[in-house]
Amino acid sequence: MTGYQENDVDVALYGALALWSCSKSTKNKEAICKAGGIPQLGRLLKSPDENMRIAVVGTLQECASEESCRMAIQTKDMIKDLLKNLRSDNDELQIHCASAIFKCAEDKQTRDLVPMYKGLQLLVSLLSKADNKELLAAVTGAIWKCSISMENMAKFQDYNTMETLVGLLIDQPEEVLVNVVGALGEFAQIPANKTTILKCGGIRSLMKLLKKTNQMLLVNISKVVGACATDMDCMAIIDELDGVRLVWSLLKNSSADVQSSAAWALCPCIMNAKDSGDLVHSLLGALDLVVELLESTNNEVVVSMCAVIAKIAIVKENMAILADLGVIQLLTKLASTTDDKLRRHLADAVCQCCMWGDNRTAFGEAVAPLVRFLKSKDEAVLQSTALALFELSWNPHNIITMHERGVVKVGCRPVEAGFMALYFCFS
């Protein structure tokens, strides 16, 4: 290499180092992307100079947190080069490459490209370097995001990834735990994997982690617990370890994400726990908290509380307490919503609450707005609404309101879709 060439390499290296330093700022990331810096950096991924590649990948992984930058990074060659550099023996280079994959794999395009270059097997092999916690955090993050795609998850299962991940639930920093549990949350969507998590001791480890305070970790744990609670063997261990009480306590967390994720986890727990009705009744202030969160300003929290109420209200004693706490008035107030997800779970809650006492009469003011739900194009909303109106129709005054609001006319659509409940309202 001539003196001039060495000088050019030095200039490029210092430029890459400067960009890396600047890329910590969101504004600068966008500026790098707009100036066409991502493709230029991509070309330098092939540089023979290792320090150059470290600076380049360091910049790319910083920029990958921005969606506009990820789109530029997610080219076939750039992902291929990132994976090639991930095979390096240099820990720092591996960390930045894995981090870049972690961030880019938020998008399906990257998740599809990684297995094309045998990246999944490479990521799993790097789990053996568990002593390097920074690398472990980046690699487990990449595995988590890649496992969102079912095809990738199937390949991870072939590599016994889940068993390794469960083993990482003990004595790891929170940065690693968040990603490990996030990955397990994806794996747990497959019924057979729940059994594997149980057999490897994952449920017990997760119950211990519920006492942590990291909010992202708690969100991810709730997802795994909720998925595993649909398996009766897993639910037995959750019950044994007082897991329902621990998850319920998360509703007191200040984070709306933690509150809603805990609520979704509670739904299958309430349905499958042994003596769940008595358990809910015994939890001091539990029902008060659910009703209180119905007035949250966060829509996902409100939706999840409606879902929980639909499960709690199955037990008569719990419904009586909810009614005393004003749940019927609050649910009625929510009936003006136009959000389909809220409509569906609100209708489910109304339907279940109608099973007890004089609640059908108490929901009188909710009937007219519920009829409007039948104009939704979401079949799940139509089904839940039809069932709610069916229960409400046992009250003569409610039938009059339905008729005045044209329920027969708008009700044709869900009936045609196979939801026959409205038919029986008038039979």
Protein backbone atom coordinates (compact mmCIF):
# COMPACT_ATOMS: atom_id res chain seq x y z
CA MET A 1 0.00 0.00 0.00
CA THR A 2 1.40 3.39 -0.99
CA GLY A 3 1.58 6.38 1.29
CA TYR A 4 -1.33 8.01 -0.54
CA GLN A 5 -3.48 4.88 -0.14
CA GLU A 6 -2.66 4.67 3.56
CA ASN A 7 -3.62 8.31 3.91
CA ASP A 8 -6.96 7.66 2.15
CA VAL A 9 -7.68 4.77 4.50
CA ASP A 10 -6.88 6.93 7.52
CA VAL A 11 -9.19 9.70 6.27
CA ALA A 12 -12.02 7.19 5.72
CA LEU A 13 -11.44 5.67 9.16
CA TYR A 14 -11.50 9.02 10.94
CA GLY A 15 -14.61 9.94 8.97
CA ALA A 16 -16.32 6.71 10.04
CA LEU A 17 -15.30 7.28 13.66
CA ALA A 18 -16.68 10.82 13.52
CA LEU A 19 -19.99 9.57 12.09
CA TRP A 20 -20.16 6.91 14.78
CA SER A 21 -19.77 9.56 17.46
CA CYS A 22 -22.40 11.78 15.80
CA SER A 23 -24.87 8.92 15.30
CA LYS A 24 -25.87 8.88 18.97
CA SER A 25 -28.26 11.74 18.15
CA THR A 26 -31.62 11.03 16.48
CA LYS A 27 -31.32 14.20 14.42
CA ASN A 28 -27.88 13.17 13.19
CA LYS A 29 -29.06 9.66 12.32
CA GLU A 30 -31.70 11.16 10.06
CA ALA A 31 -29.13 13.52 8.54
CA ILE A 32 -26.77 10.62 7.78
CA CYS A 33 -29.59 8.75 6.09
CA LYS A 34 -30.80 11.74 4.05
CA ALA A 35 -27.26 12.49 2.89
CA GLY A 36 -26.92 8.98 1.45
CA GLY A 37 -24.51 7.91 4.16
CA ILE A 38 -25.96 4.41 4.69
CA PRO A 39 -25.00 3.00 1.24
CA GLN A 40 -21.55 4.59 1.57
CA LEU A 41 -21.08 2.92 4.94
CA GLY A 42 -22.38 -0.32 3.48
CA ARG A 43 -19.58 -0.39 0.92
CA LEU A 44 -17.03 -0.04 3.72
CA LEU A 45 -18.34 -3.23 5.37
CA LYS A 46 -16.07 -5.07 2.95
CA SER A 47 -12.98 -3.13 4.04
CA PRO A 48 -9.97 -5.30 4.98
CA ASP A 49 -9.31 -2.90 7.87
CA GLU A 50 -10.97 -4.32 10.99
CA ASN A 51 -11.01 -0.98 12.82
CA MET A 52 -12.80 0.53 9.83
CA ARG A 53 -15.46 -2.19 9.92
CA ILE A 54 -15.95 -1.72 13.67
CA ALA A 55 -16.57 2.01 13.20
CA VAL A 56 -18.88 1.40 10.23
CA VAL A 57 -20.97 -1.28 11.96
CA GLY A 58 -21.04 0.82 15.13
CA THR A 59 -22.58 3.65 13.11
CA LEU A 60 -25.02 1.35 11.31
CA GLN A 61 -26.30 -0.22 14.53
CA GLU A 62 -26.87 3.25 16.00
CA CYS A 63 -28.75 4.36 12.88
CA ALA A 64 -30.80 1.14 12.82
CA SER A 65 -32.96 2.43 15.67
CA GLU A 66 -34.58 4.79 13.14
CA GLU A 67 -37.08 3.25 10.72
CA SER A 68 -35.96 5.38 7.76
CA CYS A 69 -32.36 4.25 8.30
CA ARG A 70 -33.37 0.60 8.66
CA MET A 71 -34.98 0.70 5.25
CA ALA A 72 -31.63 1.73 3.75
CA ILE A 73 -29.71 -0.88 5.73
CA GLN A 74 -32.04 -3.73 4.81
CA THR A 75 -30.54 -4.47 1.43
CA LYS A 76 -29.57 -8.01 0.56
CA ASP A 77 -25.84 -7.28 0.41
CA MET A 78 -25.67 -5.22 3.59
CA ILE A 79 -27.39 -7.87 5.74
CA LYS A 80 -25.12 -10.47 4.14
CA ASP A 81 -22.04 -8.39 5.02
CA LEU A 82 -23.26 -7.82 8.58
CA LEU A 83 -23.60 -11.58 9.04
CA LYS A 84 -20.19 -12.13 7.48
CA ASN A 85 -18.67 -9.73 10.01
CA LEU A 86 -20.64 -11.44 12.77
CA ARG A 87 -18.45 -14.48 12.07
CA SER A 88 -15.37 -12.46 13.01
CA ASP A 89 -13.29 -13.39 16.05
CA ASN A 90 -13.40 -9.77 17.22
CA ASP A 91 -15.88 -9.45 20.09
CA GLU A 92 -16.51 -5.73 19.54
CA LEU A 93 -17.30 -6.26 15.88
CA GLN A 94 -19.61 -9.15 16.76
CA ILE A 95 -21.44 -7.03 19.34
CA HIS A 96 -22.18 -4.25 16.86
CA CYS A 97 -23.20 -6.68 14.10
CA ALA A 98 -25.58 -8.56 16.41
CA SER A 99 -26.99 -5.26 17.67
CA ALA A 100 -27.61 -4.10 14.09
CA ILE A 101 -29.42 -7.37 13.30
CA PHE A 102 -31.40 -7.01 16.56
CA LYS A 103 -32.69 -3.59 15.54
CA CYS A 104 -33.21 -4.34 11.85
CA ALA A 105 -35.09 -7.57 12.57
CA GLU A 106 -38.00 -5.47 13.82
CA ASP A 107 -38.89 -5.55 10.12
CA LYS A 108 -39.88 -8.67 8.18
CA GLN A 109 -37.46 -7.94 5.35
CA THR A 110 -34.45 -8.49 7.61
CA ARG A 111 -36.07 -11.50 9.29
CA ASP A 112 -36.41 -13.08 5.86
CA LEU A 113 -32.83 -12.28 4.84
CA VAL A 114 -31.04 -13.56 7.97
CA PRO A 115 -31.80 -17.28 7.38
CA MET A 116 -30.76 -16.96 3.72
CA TYR A 117 -27.15 -16.60 4.88
CA LYS A 118 -27.35 -19.15 7.73
CA GLY A 119 -27.58 -16.33 10.23
CA LEU A 120 -29.95 -18.11 12.61
CA GLN A 121 -27.54 -20.96 13.30
CA LEU A 122 -24.74 -18.43 13.71
CA LEU A 123 -26.72 -16.49 16.32
CA VAL A 124 -27.46 -19.66 18.29
CA SER A 125 -23.79 -20.66 18.22
CA LEU A 126 -22.86 -17.30 19.76
CA LEU A 127 -24.99 -18.06 22.83
CA SER A 128 -22.05 -20.16 23.98
CA LYS A 129 -20.09 -16.94 24.59
CA ALA A 130 -22.22 -16.29 27.66
CA ASP A 131 -19.38 -14.67 29.60
CA ASN A 132 -19.50 -11.63 27.30
CA LYS A 133 -22.71 -10.05 28.58
CA GLU A 134 -22.78 -7.23 26.03
CA LEU A 135 -22.52 -9.72 23.18
CA LEU A 136 -25.05 -12.01 24.85
CA ALA A 137 -27.55 -9.15 25.11
CA ALA A 138 -27.15 -8.28 21.43
CA VAL A 139 -27.37 -11.91 20.27
CA THR A 140 -30.43 -12.75 22.39
CA GLY A 141 -32.06 -9.56 21.11
CA ALA A 142 -31.42 -10.65 17.52
CA ILE A 143 -32.84 -14.12 18.27
CA TRP A 144 -35.91 -12.54 19.87
CA LYS A 145 -36.74 -10.36 16.89
CA CYS A 146 -35.92 -13.04 14.31
CA SER A 147 -38.21 -15.50 16.12
CA ILE A 148 -41.21 -13.27 15.41
CA SER A 149 -41.34 -15.02 12.02
CA MET A 150 -42.74 -18.54 12.36
CA GLU A 151 -40.33 -19.94 9.77
CA ASN A 152 -37.37 -18.70 11.80
CA MET A 153 -38.85 -20.02 15.03
CA ALA A 154 -39.13 -23.49 13.51
CA LYS A 155 -35.43 -23.40 12.61
CA PHE A 156 -34.50 -22.15 16.07
CA GLN A 157 -36.36 -25.14 17.51
CA ASP A 158 -34.25 -27.46 15.35
CA TYR A 159 -31.17 -25.94 17.01
CA ASN A 160 -32.60 -26.51 20.55
CA THR A 161 -32.53 -22.76 21.08
CA MET A 162 -35.36 -22.70 23.58
CA GLU A 163 -33.61 -24.98 26.05
CA THR A 164 -30.54 -22.74 25.93
CA LEU A 165 -32.64 -19.61 26.43
CA VAL A 166 -34.42 -21.04 29.48
CA GLY A 167 -31.01 -21.74 30.99
CA LEU A 168 -30.20 -18.04 30.60
CA LEU A 169 -33.06 -16.98 32.89
CA ILE A 170 -30.77 -17.32 35.90
CA ASP A 171 -27.96 -14.97 37.00
CA GLN A 172 -28.05 -12.67 33.97
CA PRO A 173 -28.14 -8.87 33.70
CA GLU A 174 -31.51 -7.35 32.91
CA GLU A 175 -30.42 -6.38 29.38
CA VAL A 176 -30.06 -10.09 28.64
CA LEU A 177 -33.17 -11.15 30.55
CA VAL A 178 -35.42 -8.73 28.65
CA ASN A 179 -34.37 -10.27 25.35
CA VAL A 180 -34.38 -13.89 26.52
CA VAL A 181 -37.89 -13.57 27.92
CA GLY A 182 -38.98 -11.67 24.80
CA ALA A 183 -37.83 -14.61 22.67
CA LEU A 184 -39.58 -17.11 24.95
CA GLY A 185 -42.75 -15.06 24.55
CA GLU A 186 -42.62 -15.73 20.81
CA PHE A 187 -41.80 -19.43 21.26
CA ALA A 188 -44.65 -19.85 23.76
CA GLN A 189 -47.22 -19.08 21.08
CA ILE A 190 -46.70 -22.69 19.89
CA PRO A 191 -48.48 -25.20 22.22
CA ALA A 192 -45.67 -27.79 22.20
CA ASN A 193 -43.13 -25.16 23.25
CA LYS A 194 -45.03 -24.43 26.46
CA THR A 195 -44.31 -27.98 27.58
CA THR A 196 -40.62 -27.51 26.79
CA ILE A 197 -40.49 -24.29 28.81
CA LEU A 198 -42.13 -26.13 31.72
CA LYS A 199 -39.84 -29.17 31.55
CA CYS A 200 -36.73 -26.97 31.45
CA GLY A 201 -37.80 -25.17 34.63
CA GLY A 202 -38.74 -21.98 32.82
CA ILE A 203 -42.00 -21.35 34.68
CA ARG A 204 -40.28 -21.37 38.07
CA SER A 205 -37.57 -19.01 36.82
CA LEU A 206 -40.15 -16.64 35.36
CA MET A 207 -42.11 -16.52 38.63
CA LYS A 208 -38.96 -15.38 40.44
CA LEU A 209 -38.36 -12.68 37.83
CA LEU A 210 -41.84 -11.23 38.41
CA LYS A 211 -40.37 -9.51 41.47
CA LYS A 212 -38.02 -7.43 39.28
CA THR A 213 -38.79 -3.78 38.51
CA ASN A 214 -37.59 -3.46 34.90
CA GLN A 215 -40.79 -2.56 33.05
CA MET A 216 -39.85 -4.05 29.67
CA LEU A 217 -38.90 -7.28 31.43
CA LEU A 218 -42.25 -7.37 33.23
CA VAL A 219 -44.11 -6.81 29.96
CA ASN A 220 -42.26 -9.72 28.35
CA ILE A 221 -42.74 -12.02 31.35
CA SER A 222 -46.47 -11.32 31.31
CA LYS A 223 -46.63 -12.37 27.66
CA VAL A 224 -44.94 -15.71 28.41
CA VAL A 225 -47.07 -16.34 31.51
CA GLY A 226 -50.26 -15.54 29.61
CA ALA A 227 -49.33 -17.93 26.80
CA CYS A 228 -48.28 -20.72 29.18
CA ALA A 229 -51.40 -20.31 31.33
CA THR A 230 -53.46 -21.89 28.54
CA ASP A 231 -51.59 -25.16 29.23
CA MET A 232 -53.00 -26.85 32.31
CA ASP A 233 -49.68 -28.38 33.40
CA CYS A 234 -48.00 -24.97 33.20
CA MET A 235 -50.96 -23.38 34.97
CA ALA A 236 -50.61 -25.85 37.83
CA ILE A 237 -47.06 -24.64 38.46
CA ILE A 238 -48.09 -20.98 38.09
CA ASP A 239 -50.80 -21.66 40.68
CA GLU A 240 -48.42 -23.49 43.00
CA LEU A 241 -45.95 -20.58 42.95
CA ASP A 242 -48.65 -17.96 43.63
CA GLY A 243 -48.16 -16.65 40.10
CA VAL A 244 -51.66 -15.24 39.67
CA ARG A 245 -51.20 -13.03 42.71
CA LEU A 246 -47.79 -11.89 41.43
CA VAL A 247 -49.16 -11.02 37.99
CA TRP A 248 -52.14 -9.26 39.57
CA SER A 249 -49.78 -7.08 41.57
CA LEU A 250 -48.39 -5.73 38.28
CA LEU A 251 -51.66 -3.85 37.77
CA LYS A 252 -50.32 -1.45 40.42
CA ASN A 253 -47.29 -0.65 38.26
CA SER A 254 -47.08 2.93 36.98
CA SER A 255 -46.45 1.78 33.39
CA ALA A 256 -49.50 1.43 31.15
CA ASP A 257 -47.64 -1.22 29.13
CA VAL A 258 -47.05 -3.30 32.25
CA GLN A 259 -50.67 -2.87 33.36
CA SER A 260 -52.13 -3.98 30.03
CA SER A 261 -49.72 -6.88 29.51
CA ALA A 262 -50.45 -8.12 33.04
CA ALA A 263 -54.18 -7.88 32.40
CA TRP A 264 -53.94 -9.93 29.20
CA ALA A 265 -51.92 -12.54 31.11
CA LEU A 266 -54.56 -12.63 33.85
CA CYS A 267 -57.35 -13.59 31.44
CA PRO A 268 -56.18 -17.20 30.86
CA CYS A 269 -54.94 -17.39 34.45
CA ILE A 270 -58.40 -16.56 35.79
CA MET A 271 -60.01 -19.11 33.49
CA ASN A 272 -57.60 -21.95 34.27
CA ALA A 273 -56.42 -21.41 37.84
CA LYS A 274 -57.68 -23.77 40.52
CA ASP A 275 -60.48 -22.08 42.49
CA SER A 276 -59.83 -18.86 40.55
CA GLY A 277 -63.10 -17.31 41.66
CA ASP A 278 -62.14 -17.57 45.32
CA LEU A 279 -58.61 -16.42 44.49
CA VAL A 280 -59.79 -13.21 42.83
CA HIS A 281 -62.21 -12.59 45.67
CA SER A 282 -59.40 -13.06 48.21
CA LEU A 283 -57.00 -10.61 46.59
CA LEU A 284 -57.25 -7.47 48.69
CA GLY A 285 -58.27 -4.52 46.53
CA ALA A 286 -58.00 -6.51 43.29
CA LEU A 287 -61.47 -5.74 41.99
CA ASP A 288 -61.23 -2.10 43.07
CA LEU A 289 -58.06 -1.79 41.02
CA VAL A 290 -59.66 -3.26 37.89
CA VAL A 291 -62.57 -0.85 38.09
CA GLU A 292 -60.22 2.06 38.73
CA LEU A 293 -58.17 1.19 35.63
CA LEU A 294 -61.33 1.26 33.50
CA GLU A 295 -60.93 5.04 33.70
CA SER A 296 -57.33 4.98 32.45
CA THR A 297 -56.43 7.41 29.68
CA ASN A 298 -54.56 4.58 27.92
CA ASN A 299 -56.84 2.74 25.49
CA GLU A 300 -54.96 -0.58 25.67
CA VAL A 301 -55.31 -0.58 29.46
CA VAL A 302 -59.06 0.01 29.18
CA VAL A 303 -59.42 -2.73 26.56
CA SER A 304 -57.51 -5.23 28.69
CA MET A 305 -59.57 -4.35 31.78
CA CYS A 306 -62.76 -5.09 29.84
CA ALA A 307 -61.28 -8.46 28.92
CA VAL A 308 -60.44 -9.17 32.58
CA ILE A 309 -63.93 -8.15 33.71
CA ALA A 310 -65.45 -10.59 31.21
CA LYS A 311 -63.53 -13.36 32.99
CA ILE A 312 -64.04 -12.15 36.57
CA ALA A 313 -67.79 -11.67 36.14
CA ILE A 314 -68.30 -15.40 35.54
CA VAL A 315 -68.34 -15.78 39.34
CA LYS A 316 -71.51 -14.34 40.88
CA GLU A 317 -69.85 -13.06 44.06
CA ASN A 318 -67.21 -11.19 42.08
CA MET A 319 -69.86 -9.66 39.83
CA ALA A 320 -71.76 -8.42 42.88
CA ILE A 321 -68.66 -6.61 44.13
CA LEU A 322 -67.97 -5.16 40.67
CA ALA A 323 -71.53 -3.86 40.49
CA ASP A 324 -71.19 -2.19 43.90
CA LEU A 325 -68.00 -0.53 42.63
CA GLY A 326 -69.90 1.03 39.71
CA VAL A 327 -68.61 -1.15 36.89
CA ILE A 328 -71.92 -1.09 35.00
CA GLN A 329 -71.95 2.70 34.81
CA LEU A 330 -68.32 2.77 33.65
CA LEU A 331 -68.89 0.13 30.97
CA THR A 332 -71.97 2.00 29.78
CA LYS A 333 -69.92 5.18 29.51
CA LEU A 334 -67.41 3.37 27.28
CA ALA A 335 -70.11 2.28 24.83
CA SER A 336 -69.68 5.49 22.81
CA THR A 337 -66.28 4.28 21.56
CA THR A 338 -65.53 3.80 17.87
CA ASP A 339 -62.43 1.65 18.52
CA ASP A 340 -63.14 -1.90 17.32
CA LYS A 341 -60.77 -3.60 19.74
CA LEU A 342 -62.43 -1.87 22.69
CA ARG A 343 -65.88 -2.56 21.24
CA ARG A 344 -65.20 -6.28 21.08
CA HIS A 345 -63.99 -6.69 24.66
CA LEU A 346 -66.51 -4.19 26.03
CA ALA A 347 -69.32 -6.23 24.46
CA ASP A 348 -67.86 -9.39 25.99
CA ALA A 349 -67.82 -7.72 29.41
CA VAL A 350 -71.40 -6.49 29.05
CA CYS A 351 -72.53 -9.94 27.93
CA GLN A 352 -71.01 -11.65 30.96
CA CYS A 353 -72.24 -9.02 33.42
CA CYS A 354 -75.79 -9.52 32.14
CA MET A 355 -75.84 -13.05 33.53
CA TRP A 356 -76.42 -11.85 37.07
CA GLY A 357 -79.05 -9.97 39.04
CA ASP A 358 -80.84 -7.05 37.43
CA ASN A 359 -77.83 -6.03 35.37
CA ARG A 360 -79.72 -6.29 32.07
CA THR A 361 -81.93 -3.45 33.24
CA ALA A 362 -78.98 -1.47 34.60
CA PHE A 363 -77.34 -1.59 31.16
CA GLY A 364 -80.37 0.09 29.56
CA GLU A 365 -78.44 3.18 28.43
CA ALA A 366 -75.79 1.02 26.77
CA VAL A 367 -78.22 -0.68 24.38
CA ALA A 368 -78.49 2.09 21.76
CA PRO A 369 -74.73 2.63 21.38
CA LEU A 370 -74.17 -1.15 21.33
CA VAL A 371 -76.50 -1.42 18.33
CA ARG A 372 -74.14 0.91 16.46
CA PHE A 373 -71.36 -1.66 16.98
CA LEU A 374 -73.18 -3.83 14.42
CA LYS A 375 -72.04 -1.47 11.68
CA SER A 376 -68.46 -2.55 12.27
CA LYS A 377 -66.67 -4.57 9.59
CA ASP A 378 -64.80 -6.59 12.22
CA GLU A 379 -66.43 -10.02 12.59
CA ALA A 380 -65.12 -10.45 16.14
CA VAL A 381 -66.90 -7.21 17.11
CA LEU A 382 -70.10 -8.39 15.42
CA GLN A 383 -70.04 -11.73 17.21
CA SER A 384 -69.40 -10.24 20.66
CA THR A 385 -72.02 -7.54 20.11
CA ALA A 386 -74.63 -10.03 18.92
CA LEU A 387 -74.13 -12.10 22.06
CA ALA A 388 -74.29 -9.01 24.29
CA LEU A 389 -77.52 -7.83 22.65
CA PHE A 390 -78.94 -11.32 22.97
CA GLU A 391 -78.40 -11.21 26.74
CA LEU A 392 -79.76 -7.68 26.96
CA SER A 393 -82.85 -8.69 24.97
CA TRP A 394 -84.24 -10.64 27.92
CA ASN A 395 -85.34 -7.24 29.25
CA PRO A 396 -88.46 -6.01 27.36
CA HIS A 397 -87.41 -2.34 27.52
CA ASN A 398 -84.10 -3.20 25.92
CA ILE A 399 -85.87 -4.99 23.06
CA ILE A 400 -87.93 -1.86 22.40
CA THR A 401 -84.75 0.23 22.29
CA MET A 402 -83.11 -2.26 19.90
CA HIS A 403 -86.14 -2.15 17.62
CA GLU A 404 -86.22 1.65 17.66
CA ARG A 405 -82.53 1.72 16.71
CA GLY A 406 -83.09 -0.62 13.77
CA VAL A 407 -81.35 -3.66 15.23
CA VAL A 408 -83.23 -6.03 12.88
CA LYS A 409 -82.00 -4.11 9.85
CA VAL A 410 -78.35 -3.78 10.90
CA GLY A 411 -78.44 -7.18 12.54
CA CYS A 412 -78.80 -8.94 9.20
CA ARG A 413 -75.07 -8.71 8.57
CA PRO A 414 -73.86 -10.64 11.60
CA VAL A 415 -76.68 -13.18 11.20
CA GLU A 416 -75.58 -13.78 7.63
CA ALA A 417 -72.02 -14.20 8.92
CA GLY A 418 -73.21 -17.04 11.13
CA PHE A 419 -73.90 -15.10 14.35
CA MET A 420 -77.42 -16.27 15.13
CA ALA A 421 -77.86 -14.73 18.57
CA LEU A 422 -79.84 -11.73 17.32
CA TYR A 423 -82.29 -14.01 15.59
CA PHE A 424 -83.22 -15.50 18.94
CA CYS A 425 -83.85 -12.04 20.39
CA PHE A 426 -86.98 -11.85 18.27
CA SER A 427 -87.96 -15.51 17.99
